[in-house]
Amino acid sequence: MNKQARVVVIVVSVIIALSLIVLFLNSLGHKGKVRVELVVAPTDSVVTVDGKITKGSVVYLSPGVHTFKIGRIDFDTYETKQNISSNPEVLLSPTASTDAARGYLAKNPDQQQKIEQIGGKYQNIVNTTTDNKYPYLSSLPIETSNFIISQGVPINSVKNNGGFTAAIYIKALNPIDRTRAVERIRTELGIDPTTIEIYFEDAPVTFWEKGE
């Protein structure tokens, strides 16, 4: 082996050794932390994690609640708190609420597509979480000749914690039928009515005809 070849071998060996050292140090720095993938659109948005600007699509965080925020010029800032446990994917996209933001997306359909993909993933998470947390929703609606029990939009729980939740709406002819509907929730759905959001709606005078 000539001198030039030996130099090349030494240089390559040094590079490999330094790479291994960097990987080792990174593994030590990430010990006990969770790998979190940030899915961001538009891709040139500014993202902060717990108030610190972050670059790249992967961060390592200690288990627990962390605050994620994304912003971009002409877009409304979006902020979310998430409990990080194991290899999660955090979906982040600012709101295109201005004409300038909508104009940007019209000129950049690839970014619009990424935002739509994030929206689709988020909706899947909402649906899965709701189905797991509220399995009784699959039994709705319950319709009789005197009342209808259906899923509705929650109010209080969303205001309080912004999490995934569900509510039940009861449309009944009179107070007696409201009581019957609540008891039906207890007996047929097997849940305590005091543990969920229930909203009552008045039924029209010309009521529908449904059998028990």
C-alpha atoms as a PDB file:
ATOM      1  CA  MET A   1       0.000   0.000   0.000  1.00  0.00           C
ATOM      2  CA  ASN A   2       1.506   3.316  -1.050  1.00  0.00           C
ATOM      3  CA  LYS A   3       1.597   6.443   1.053  1.00  0.00           C
ATOM      4  CA  GLN A   4      -1.400   8.054  -0.647  1.00  0.00           C
ATOM      5  CA  ALA A   5      -3.555   4.972  -0.092  1.00  0.00           C
ATOM      6  CA  ARG A   6      -2.570   4.870   3.589  1.00  0.00           C
ATOM      7  CA  VAL A   7      -3.593   8.517   3.975  1.00  0.00           C
ATOM      8  CA  VAL A   8      -6.987   7.777   2.427  1.00  0.00           C
ATOM      9  CA  VAL A   9      -7.514   4.828   4.775  1.00  0.00           C
ATOM     10  CA  ILE A  10      -6.576   6.931   7.795  1.00  0.00           C
ATOM     11  CA  VAL A  11      -8.890   9.774   6.778  1.00  0.00           C
ATOM     12  CA  VAL A  12     -11.806   7.380   6.216  1.00  0.00           C
ATOM     13  CA  SER A  13     -11.137   5.682   9.552  1.00  0.00           C
ATOM     14  CA  VAL A  14     -11.122   9.038  11.338  1.00  0.00           C
ATOM     15  CA  ILE A  15     -14.395  10.051   9.693  1.00  0.00           C
ATOM     16  CA  ILE A  16     -16.053   6.767  10.699  1.00  0.00           C
ATOM     17  CA  ALA A  17     -14.729   7.087  14.257  1.00  0.00           C
ATOM     18  CA  LEU A  18     -16.007  10.657  14.582  1.00  0.00           C
ATOM     19  CA  SER A  19     -19.411   9.626  13.201  1.00  0.00           C
ATOM     20  CA  LEU A  20     -19.671   6.838  15.769  1.00  0.00           C
ATOM     21  CA  ILE A  21     -18.728   9.254  18.544  1.00  0.00           C
ATOM     22  CA  VAL A  22     -21.417  11.730  17.407  1.00  0.00           C
ATOM     23  CA  LEU A  23     -24.030   8.963  17.289  1.00  0.00           C
ATOM     24  CA  PHE A  24     -23.017   7.817  20.762  1.00  0.00           C
ATOM     25  CA  LEU A  25     -23.230  11.329  22.200  1.00  0.00           C
ATOM     26  CA  ASN A  26     -26.621  11.880  20.542  1.00  0.00           C
ATOM     27  CA  SER A  27     -27.937   8.634  22.010  1.00  0.00           C
ATOM     28  CA  LEU A  28     -26.811   9.782  25.455  1.00  0.00           C
ATOM     29  CA  GLY A  29     -28.530  13.143  24.948  1.00  0.00           C
ATOM     30  CA  HIS A  30     -31.764  11.443  23.878  1.00  0.00           C
ATOM     31  CA  LYS A  31     -31.789   8.901  26.697  1.00  0.00           C
ATOM     32  CA  GLY A  32     -35.162   8.885  28.472  1.00  0.00           C
ATOM     33  CA  LYS A  33     -36.721  11.138  25.832  1.00  0.00           C
ATOM     34  CA  VAL A  34     -39.410  10.477  23.251  1.00  0.00           C
ATOM     35  CA  ARG A  35     -38.834  10.884  19.526  1.00  0.00           C
ATOM     36  CA  VAL A  36     -41.517  13.241  18.189  1.00  0.00           C
ATOM     37  CA  GLU A  37     -42.140  13.799  14.506  1.00  0.00           C
ATOM     38  CA  LEU A  38     -43.441  17.251  13.564  1.00  0.00           C
ATOM     39  CA  VAL A  39     -45.698  17.245  10.509  1.00  0.00           C
ATOM     40  CA  VAL A  40     -45.810  20.876   9.373  1.00  0.00           C
ATOM     41  CA  ALA A  41     -47.562  22.793   6.591  1.00  0.00           C
ATOM     42  CA  PRO A  42     -46.811  25.252   5.097  1.00  0.00           C
ATOM     43  CA  THR A  43     -43.301  23.879   5.330  1.00  0.00           C
ATOM     44  CA  ASP A  44     -41.706  27.313   5.817  1.00  0.00           C
ATOM     45  CA  SER A  45     -43.734  28.043   8.952  1.00  0.00           C
ATOM     46  CA  VAL A  46     -42.035  28.900  12.241  1.00  0.00           C
ATOM     47  CA  VAL A  47     -42.474  26.192  14.880  1.00  0.00           C
ATOM     48  CA  THR A  48     -41.777  26.492  18.596  1.00  0.00           C
ATOM     49  CA  VAL A  49     -41.789  23.751  21.199  1.00  0.00           C
ATOM     50  CA  ASP A  50     -42.228  24.972  24.755  1.00  0.00           C
ATOM     51  CA  GLY A  51     -41.396  28.486  23.550  1.00  0.00           C
ATOM     52  CA  LYS A  52     -38.180  27.567  21.742  1.00  0.00           C
ATOM     53  CA  ILE A  53     -37.869  27.732  17.964  1.00  0.00           C
ATOM     54  CA  THR A  54     -37.116  24.344  16.491  1.00  0.00           C
ATOM     55  CA  LYS A  55     -35.804  23.378  13.073  1.00  0.00           C
ATOM     56  CA  GLY A  56     -36.202  20.037  11.410  1.00  0.00           C
ATOM     57  CA  SER A  57     -39.017  17.518  11.504  1.00  0.00           C
ATOM     58  CA  VAL A  58     -37.888  15.550  14.576  1.00  0.00           C
ATOM     59  CA  VAL A  59     -37.461  16.612  18.207  1.00  0.00           C
ATOM     60  CA  TYR A  60     -36.707  14.617  21.357  1.00  0.00           C
ATOM     61  CA  LEU A  61     -38.810  15.497  24.387  1.00  0.00           C
ATOM     62  CA  SER A  62     -39.222  14.213  27.904  1.00  0.00           C
ATOM     63  CA  PRO A  63     -42.553  12.422  28.540  1.00  0.00           C
ATOM     64  CA  GLY A  64     -45.314  14.770  29.646  1.00  0.00           C
ATOM     65  CA  VAL A  65     -47.293  17.760  28.374  1.00  0.00           C
ATOM     66  CA  HIS A  66     -45.565  20.061  25.882  1.00  0.00           C
ATOM     67  CA  THR A  67     -46.729  23.171  24.039  1.00  0.00           C
ATOM     68  CA  PHE A  68     -46.424  23.301  20.254  1.00  0.00           C
ATOM     69  CA  LYS A  69     -47.006  26.491  18.291  1.00  0.00           C
ATOM     70  CA  ILE A  70     -46.839  27.225  14.578  1.00  0.00           C
ATOM     71  CA  GLY A  71     -47.052  30.555  12.797  1.00  0.00           C
ATOM     72  CA  ARG A  72     -46.459  32.104   9.411  1.00  0.00           C
ATOM     73  CA  ILE A  73     -46.819  35.563   7.937  1.00  0.00           C
ATOM     74  CA  ASP A  74     -50.448  36.277   6.941  1.00  0.00           C
ATOM     75  CA  PHE A  75     -51.636  33.127   8.778  1.00  0.00           C
ATOM     76  CA  ASP A  76     -53.204  32.907  12.247  1.00  0.00           C
ATOM     77  CA  THR A  77     -50.971  31.176  14.799  1.00  0.00           C
ATOM     78  CA  TYR A  78     -52.048  27.727  15.946  1.00  0.00           C
ATOM     79  CA  GLU A  79     -51.109  26.399  19.397  1.00  0.00           C
ATOM     80  CA  THR A  80     -51.726  23.002  20.966  1.00  0.00           C
ATOM     81  CA  LYS A  81     -50.738  21.210  24.163  1.00  0.00           C
ATOM     82  CA  GLN A  82     -50.101  17.497  23.839  1.00  0.00           C
ATOM     83  CA  ASN A  83     -49.156  14.785  26.282  1.00  0.00           C
ATOM     84  CA  ILE A  84     -46.109  13.093  24.810  1.00  0.00           C
ATOM     85  CA  SER A  85     -45.781   9.438  25.706  1.00  0.00           C
ATOM     86  CA  SER A  86     -44.330   7.238  22.963  1.00  0.00           C
ATOM     87  CA  ASN A  87     -43.189   8.063  19.420  1.00  0.00           C
ATOM     88  CA  PRO A  88     -46.060  10.427  18.602  1.00  0.00           C
ATOM     89  CA  GLU A  89     -46.691  12.465  15.493  1.00  0.00           C
ATOM     90  CA  VAL A  90     -47.663  16.094  16.105  1.00  0.00           C
ATOM     91  CA  LEU A  91     -49.720  17.735  13.341  1.00  0.00           C
ATOM     92  CA  LEU A  92     -49.195  21.477  12.965  1.00  0.00           C
ATOM     93  CA  SER A  93     -50.692  23.959  10.531  1.00  0.00           C
ATOM     94  CA  PRO A  94     -51.531  27.672  10.972  1.00  0.00           C
ATOM     95  CA  THR A  95     -54.961  28.929   9.938  1.00  0.00           C
ATOM     96  CA  ALA A  96     -55.352  30.562   6.523  1.00  0.00           C
ATOM     97  CA  SER A  97     -57.873  33.187   7.663  1.00  0.00           C
ATOM     98  CA  THR A  98     -56.738  36.129   5.504  1.00  0.00           C
ATOM     99  CA  ASP A  99     -56.988  36.817   1.781  1.00  0.00           C
ATOM    100  CA  ALA A 100     -53.187  36.926   1.615  1.00  0.00           C
ATOM    101  CA  ALA A 101     -52.925  33.471   3.168  1.00  0.00           C
ATOM    102  CA  ARG A 102     -55.545  32.032   0.844  1.00  0.00           C
ATOM    103  CA  GLY A 103     -53.793  33.671  -2.094  1.00  0.00           C
ATOM    104  CA  TYR A 104     -50.510  32.061  -1.052  1.00  0.00           C
ATOM    105  CA  LEU A 105     -52.124  28.622  -0.939  1.00  0.00           C
ATOM    106  CA  ALA A 106     -53.762  29.194  -4.335  1.00  0.00           C
ATOM    107  CA  LYS A 107     -50.315  29.867  -5.799  1.00  0.00           C
ATOM    108  CA  ASN A 108     -48.762  26.934  -3.913  1.00  0.00           C
ATOM    109  CA  PRO A 109     -51.092  23.945  -4.373  1.00  0.00           C
ATOM    110  CA  ASP A 110     -48.457  21.592  -2.946  1.00  0.00           C
ATOM    111  CA  GLN A 111     -48.703  23.399   0.409  1.00  0.00           C
ATOM    112  CA  GLN A 112     -52.500  23.331   0.229  1.00  0.00           C
ATOM    113  CA  GLN A 113     -52.309  19.589  -0.342  1.00  0.00           C
ATOM    114  CA  LYS A 114     -50.042  19.142   2.683  1.00  0.00           C
ATOM    115  CA  ILE A 115     -52.502  21.098   4.826  1.00  0.00           C
ATOM    116  CA  GLU A 116     -55.361  18.915   3.606  1.00  0.00           C
ATOM    117  CA  GLN A 117     -53.340  15.797   4.418  1.00  0.00           C
ATOM    118  CA  ILE A 118     -52.760  17.105   7.934  1.00  0.00           C
ATOM    119  CA  GLY A 119     -56.477  17.799   8.259  1.00  0.00           C
ATOM    120  CA  GLY A 120     -57.287  14.261   7.133  1.00  0.00           C
ATOM    121  CA  LYS A 121     -54.854  12.729   9.632  1.00  0.00           C
ATOM    122  CA  TYR A 122     -56.251  14.901  12.416  1.00  0.00           C
ATOM    123  CA  GLN A 123     -59.817  13.878  11.610  1.00  0.00           C
ATOM    124  CA  ASN A 124     -58.822  10.216  11.694  1.00  0.00           C
ATOM    125  CA  ILE A 125     -57.313  10.748  15.149  1.00  0.00           C
ATOM    126  CA  VAL A 126     -60.491  12.490  16.325  1.00  0.00           C
ATOM    127  CA  ASN A 127     -62.685   9.683  14.988  1.00  0.00           C
ATOM    128  CA  THR A 128     -60.551   6.921  16.494  1.00  0.00           C
ATOM    129  CA  THR A 129     -60.246   8.658  19.854  1.00  0.00           C
ATOM    130  CA  THR A 130     -63.971   9.390  19.998  1.00  0.00           C
ATOM    131  CA  ASP A 131     -64.889   5.798  19.077  1.00  0.00           C
ATOM    132  CA  ASN A 132     -62.575   4.409  21.769  1.00  0.00           C
ATOM    133  CA  LYS A 133     -63.644   6.863  24.450  1.00  0.00           C
ATOM    134  CA  TYR A 134     -67.352   6.884  23.635  1.00  0.00           C
ATOM    135  CA  PRO A 135     -68.264   3.430  22.265  1.00  0.00           C
ATOM    136  CA  TYR A 136     -71.947   4.055  22.980  1.00  0.00           C
ATOM    137  CA  LEU A 137     -72.091   6.578  20.123  1.00  0.00           C
ATOM    138  CA  SER A 138     -72.327   3.653  17.705  1.00  0.00           C
ATOM    139  CA  SER A 139     -75.786   2.934  19.181  1.00  0.00           C
ATOM    140  CA  LEU A 140     -77.089   6.380  18.267  1.00  0.00           C
ATOM    141  CA  PRO A 141     -79.477   7.678  17.183  1.00  0.00           C
ATOM    142  CA  ILE A 142     -82.250   6.139  19.292  1.00  0.00           C
ATOM    143  CA  GLU A 143     -85.590   7.184  17.848  1.00  0.00           C
ATOM    144  CA  THR A 144     -89.050   6.609  19.298  1.00  0.00           C
ATOM    145  CA  SER A 145     -92.464   8.193  18.800  1.00  0.00           C
ATOM    146  CA  ASN A 146     -91.803  10.512  21.766  1.00  0.00           C
ATOM    147  CA  PHE A 147     -88.124  11.387  21.658  1.00  0.00           C
ATOM    148  CA  ILE A 148     -84.898  11.183  19.669  1.00  0.00           C
ATOM    149  CA  ILE A 149     -81.465  10.705  21.258  1.00  0.00           C
ATOM    150  CA  SER A 150     -78.558  11.645  18.996  1.00  0.00           C
ATOM    151  CA  GLN A 151     -74.931  12.722  19.043  1.00  0.00           C
ATOM    152  CA  GLY A 152     -74.323  16.446  19.119  1.00  0.00           C
ATOM    153  CA  VAL A 153     -71.637  19.079  19.346  1.00  0.00           C
ATOM    154  CA  PRO A 154     -70.144  19.458  22.852  1.00  0.00           C
ATOM    155  CA  ILE A 155     -69.890  22.872  24.477  1.00  0.00           C
ATOM    156  CA  ASN A 156     -68.576  22.886  28.054  1.00  0.00           C
ATOM    157  CA  SER A 157     -65.866  20.250  27.732  1.00  0.00           C
ATOM    158  CA  VAL A 158     -64.450  21.911  24.625  1.00  0.00           C
ATOM    159  CA  LYS A 159     -64.284  25.254  26.417  1.00  0.00           C
ATOM    160  CA  ASN A 160     -62.644  23.673  29.444  1.00  0.00           C
ATOM    161  CA  ASN A 161     -59.930  21.545  27.879  1.00  0.00           C
ATOM    162  CA  GLY A 162     -60.165  21.623  24.103  1.00  0.00           C
ATOM    163  CA  GLY A 163     -59.881  17.854  23.967  1.00  0.00           C
ATOM    164  CA  PHE A 164     -61.766  15.232  22.045  1.00  0.00           C
ATOM    165  CA  THR A 165     -65.242  14.777  23.478  1.00  0.00           C
ATOM    166  CA  ALA A 166     -68.870  14.105  22.600  1.00  0.00           C
ATOM    167  CA  ALA A 167     -72.302  15.222  23.690  1.00  0.00           C
ATOM    168  CA  ILE A 168     -75.807  13.797  23.538  1.00  0.00           C
ATOM    169  CA  TYR A 169     -78.803  15.799  22.358  1.00  0.00           C
ATOM    170  CA  ILE A 170     -82.362  14.879  23.292  1.00  0.00           C
ATOM    171  CA  LYS A 171     -85.336  16.134  21.320  1.00  0.00           C
ATOM    172  CA  ALA A 172     -88.582  15.405  23.181  1.00  0.00           C
ATOM    173  CA  LEU A 173     -92.217  16.497  23.199  1.00  0.00           C
ATOM    174  CA  ASN A 174     -92.444  17.317  26.914  1.00  0.00           C
ATOM    175  CA  PRO A 175     -90.594  17.032  30.263  1.00  0.00           C
ATOM    176  CA  ILE A 176     -91.933  13.531  30.871  1.00  0.00           C
ATOM    177  CA  ASP A 177     -90.456  12.299  27.588  1.00  0.00           C
ATOM    178  CA  ARG A 178     -87.180  14.020  28.413  1.00  0.00           C
ATOM    179  CA  THR A 179     -87.040  11.981  31.604  1.00  0.00           C
ATOM    180  CA  ARG A 180     -87.822   8.825  29.662  1.00  0.00           C
ATOM    181  CA  ALA A 181     -85.013   9.609  27.228  1.00  0.00           C
ATOM    182  CA  VAL A 182     -82.504  10.113  30.035  1.00  0.00           C
ATOM    183  CA  GLU A 183     -83.537   6.801  31.580  1.00  0.00           C
ATOM    184  CA  ARG A 184     -83.103   5.167  28.160  1.00  0.00           C
ATOM    185  CA  ILE A 185     -79.546   6.491  28.111  1.00  0.00           C
ATOM    186  CA  ARG A 186     -78.945   4.845  31.474  1.00  0.00           C
ATOM    187  CA  THR A 187     -80.489   1.486  30.624  1.00  0.00           C
ATOM    188  CA  GLU A 188     -79.735   0.978  26.924  1.00  0.00           C
ATOM    189  CA  LEU A 189     -76.378   2.728  26.626  1.00  0.00           C
ATOM    190  CA  GLY A 190     -75.263   1.663  30.097  1.00  0.00           C
ATOM    191  CA  ILE A 191     -73.823   5.032  31.096  1.00  0.00           C
ATOM    192  CA  ASP A 192     -74.450   7.446  33.940  1.00  0.00           C
ATOM    193  CA  PRO A 193     -76.180  10.518  32.418  1.00  0.00           C
ATOM    194  CA  THR A 194     -74.473  12.777  34.967  1.00  0.00           C
ATOM    195  CA  THR A 195     -71.038  11.943  33.484  1.00  0.00           C
ATOM    196  CA  ILE A 196     -71.759  13.239  29.971  1.00  0.00           C
ATOM    197  CA  GLU A 197     -72.958  16.439  28.347  1.00  0.00           C
ATOM    198  CA  ILE A 198     -76.690  16.285  27.609  1.00  0.00           C
ATOM    199  CA  TYR A 199     -78.597  19.040  25.822  1.00  0.00           C
ATOM    200  CA  PHE A 200     -82.349  19.212  25.386  1.00  0.00           C
ATOM    201  CA  GLU A 201     -84.055  20.509  22.271  1.00  0.00           C
ATOM    202  CA  ASP A 202     -87.759  21.204  21.869  1.00  0.00           C
ATOM    203  CA  ALA A 203     -89.584  19.006  19.382  1.00  0.00           C
ATOM    204  CA  PRO A 204     -91.806  20.650  16.752  1.00  0.00           C
ATOM    205  CA  VAL A 205     -95.568  20.531  17.163  1.00  0.00           C
ATOM    206  CA  THR A 206     -95.874  18.259  14.142  1.00  0.00           C
ATOM    207  CA  PHE A 207     -93.747  15.435  15.540  1.00  0.00           C
ATOM    208  CA  TRP A 208     -92.366  12.529  13.521  1.00  0.00           C
ATOM    209  CA  GLU A 209     -93.822   9.082  13.610  1.00  0.00           C
ATOM    210  CA  LYS A 210     -91.327   6.480  14.837  1.00  0.00           C
ATOM    211  CA  GLY A 211     -92.133   3.178  16.487  1.00  0.00           C
ATOM    212  CA  GLU A 212     -90.597   2.086  19.800  1.00  0.00           C
END
